[in-house]
C-alpha atoms as a PDB file:
ATOM      1  CA  UNK A   1      18.422 109.114  31.636  1.00  0.00           C
ATOM      2  CA  UNK A   2      19.167 112.424  30.457  1.00  0.00           C
ATOM      3  CA  UNK A   3      21.432 115.622  31.738  1.00  0.00           C
ATOM      4  CA  UNK A   4      21.711 118.937  31.115  1.00  0.00           C
ATOM      5  CA  UNK A   5      24.960 120.634  31.815  1.00  0.00           C
ATOM      6  CA  UNK A   6      26.909 123.623  30.591  1.00  0.00           C
ATOM      7  CA  UNK A   7      30.565 123.134  28.671  1.00  0.00           C
ATOM      8  CA  UNK A   8      33.257 122.694  30.744  1.00  0.00           C
ATOM      9  CA  UNK A   9      31.181 120.162  32.682  1.00  0.00           C
ATOM     10  CA  UNK A  10      32.763 117.036  33.912  1.00  0.00           C
ATOM     11  CA  UNK A  11      30.148 114.604  34.109  1.00  0.00           C
ATOM     12  CA  UNK A  12      31.060 110.883  36.345  1.00  0.00           C
ATOM     13  CA  UNK A  13      28.974 107.734  36.042  1.00  0.00           C
ATOM     14  CA  UNK A  14      29.794 105.197  38.919  1.00  0.00           C
ATOM     15  CA  UNK A  15      28.609 101.895  38.422  1.00  0.00           C
ATOM     16  CA  UNK A  16      26.571 100.189  41.172  1.00  0.00           C
ATOM     17  CA  UNK A  17      25.747  96.486  39.968  1.00  0.00           C
ATOM     18  CA  UNK A  18      27.267  93.524  39.964  1.00  0.00           C
ATOM     19  CA  UNK A  19      27.523  93.333  36.184  1.00  0.00           C
ATOM     20  CA  UNK A  20      29.990  95.031  33.824  1.00  0.00           C
ATOM     21  CA  UNK A  21      28.364  97.911  31.827  1.00  0.00           C
ATOM     22  CA  UNK A  22      29.884 100.474  29.457  1.00  0.00           C
ATOM     23  CA  UNK A  23      29.654 104.744  28.637  1.00  0.00           C
ATOM     24  CA  UNK A  24      29.943 104.881  24.740  1.00  0.00           C
ATOM     25  CA  UNK A  25      28.586 108.084  23.093  1.00  0.00           C
ATOM     26  CA  UNK A  26      27.202 107.312  19.881  1.00  0.00           C
ATOM     27  CA  UNK A  27      29.693 109.928  17.968  1.00  0.00           C
ATOM     28  CA  UNK A  28      32.745 107.995  19.275  1.00  0.00           C
ATOM     29  CA  UNK A  29      33.777 111.477  21.584  1.00  0.00           C
ATOM     30  CA  UNK A  30      33.841 109.120  24.738  1.00  0.00           C
ATOM     31  CA  UNK A  31      34.185 105.660  25.772  1.00  0.00           C
ATOM     32  CA  UNK A  32      34.976 103.823  28.885  1.00  0.00           C
ATOM     33  CA  UNK A  33      36.316 100.494  29.667  1.00  0.00           C
ATOM     34  CA  UNK A  34      33.748  97.740  30.861  1.00  0.00           C
ATOM     35  CA  UNK A  35      33.139  98.811  35.098  1.00  0.00           C
ATOM     36  CA  UNK A  36      31.980  96.838  37.786  1.00  0.00           C
ATOM     37  CA  UNK A  37      30.243  98.002  41.438  1.00  0.00           C
ATOM     38  CA  UNK A  38      32.381 100.805  42.658  1.00  0.00           C
ATOM     39  CA  UNK A  39      33.952 101.704  39.521  1.00  0.00           C
ATOM     40  CA  UNK A  40      33.544 105.565  38.189  1.00  0.00           C
ATOM     41  CA  UNK A  41      33.770 106.526  34.741  1.00  0.00           C
ATOM     42  CA  UNK A  42      34.542 110.666  34.042  1.00  0.00           C
ATOM     43  CA  UNK A  43      34.288 112.888  31.143  1.00  0.00           C
ATOM     44  CA  UNK A  44      34.850 116.510  30.342  1.00  0.00           C
ATOM     45  CA  UNK A  45      32.388 118.036  27.914  1.00  0.00           C
ATOM     46  CA  UNK A  46      34.463 120.932  26.514  1.00  0.00           C
ATOM     47  CA  UNK A  47      31.318 121.613  23.371  1.00  0.00           C
ATOM     48  CA  UNK A  48      28.079 122.057  22.924  1.00  0.00           C
ATOM     49  CA  UNK A  49      25.537 119.655  21.498  1.00  0.00           C
ATOM     50  CA  UNK A  50      23.613 116.697  22.590  1.00  0.00           C
ATOM     51  CA  UNK A  51      25.302 113.727  22.953  1.00  0.00           C
ATOM     52  CA  UNK A  52      23.793 110.492  23.253  1.00  0.00           C
ATOM     53  CA  UNK A  53      25.455 107.160  24.195  1.00  0.00           C
ATOM     54  CA  UNK A  54      24.807 103.193  25.227  1.00  0.00           C
ATOM     55  CA  UNK A  55      26.076 100.375  27.173  1.00  0.00           C
ATOM     56  CA  UNK A  56      27.615  98.612  24.948  1.00  0.00           C
ATOM     57  CA  UNK A  57      27.276  95.117  27.157  1.00  0.00           C
ATOM     58  CA  UNK A  58      23.152  95.840  27.184  1.00  0.00           C
ATOM     59  CA  UNK A  59      22.419  98.266  24.259  1.00  0.00           C
ATOM     60  CA  UNK A  60      18.960  98.666  25.834  1.00  0.00           C
ATOM     61  CA  UNK A  61      20.542 101.241  28.413  1.00  0.00           C
ATOM     62  CA  UNK A  62      21.061 104.627  26.762  1.00  0.00           C
ATOM     63  CA  UNK A  63      20.734 108.082  28.059  1.00  0.00           C
ATOM     64  CA  UNK A  64      21.854 111.586  26.346  1.00  0.00           C
ATOM     65  CA  UNK A  65      23.607 114.239  27.976  1.00  0.00           C
ATOM     66  CA  UNK A  66      23.006 118.013  26.510  1.00  0.00           C
ATOM     67  CA  UNK A  67      25.363 120.575  26.756  1.00  0.00           C
ATOM     68  CA  UNK A  68      24.737 124.360  26.454  1.00  0.00           C
END
């Protein structure tokens, strides 16, 4: 998944799966604990750049947030 947002945007991931998932930035700037269905994780992007992320449990699940 990819998403482009302006600086100072709060992005929220909502987990809707029966198994746990995480959101972890490749550069370490954000990281969620394992989250299950109905839980959310939010992060506010304060600088421009590309922020690839991964589910540390299911490493084939990836995405990128582009902040401009």
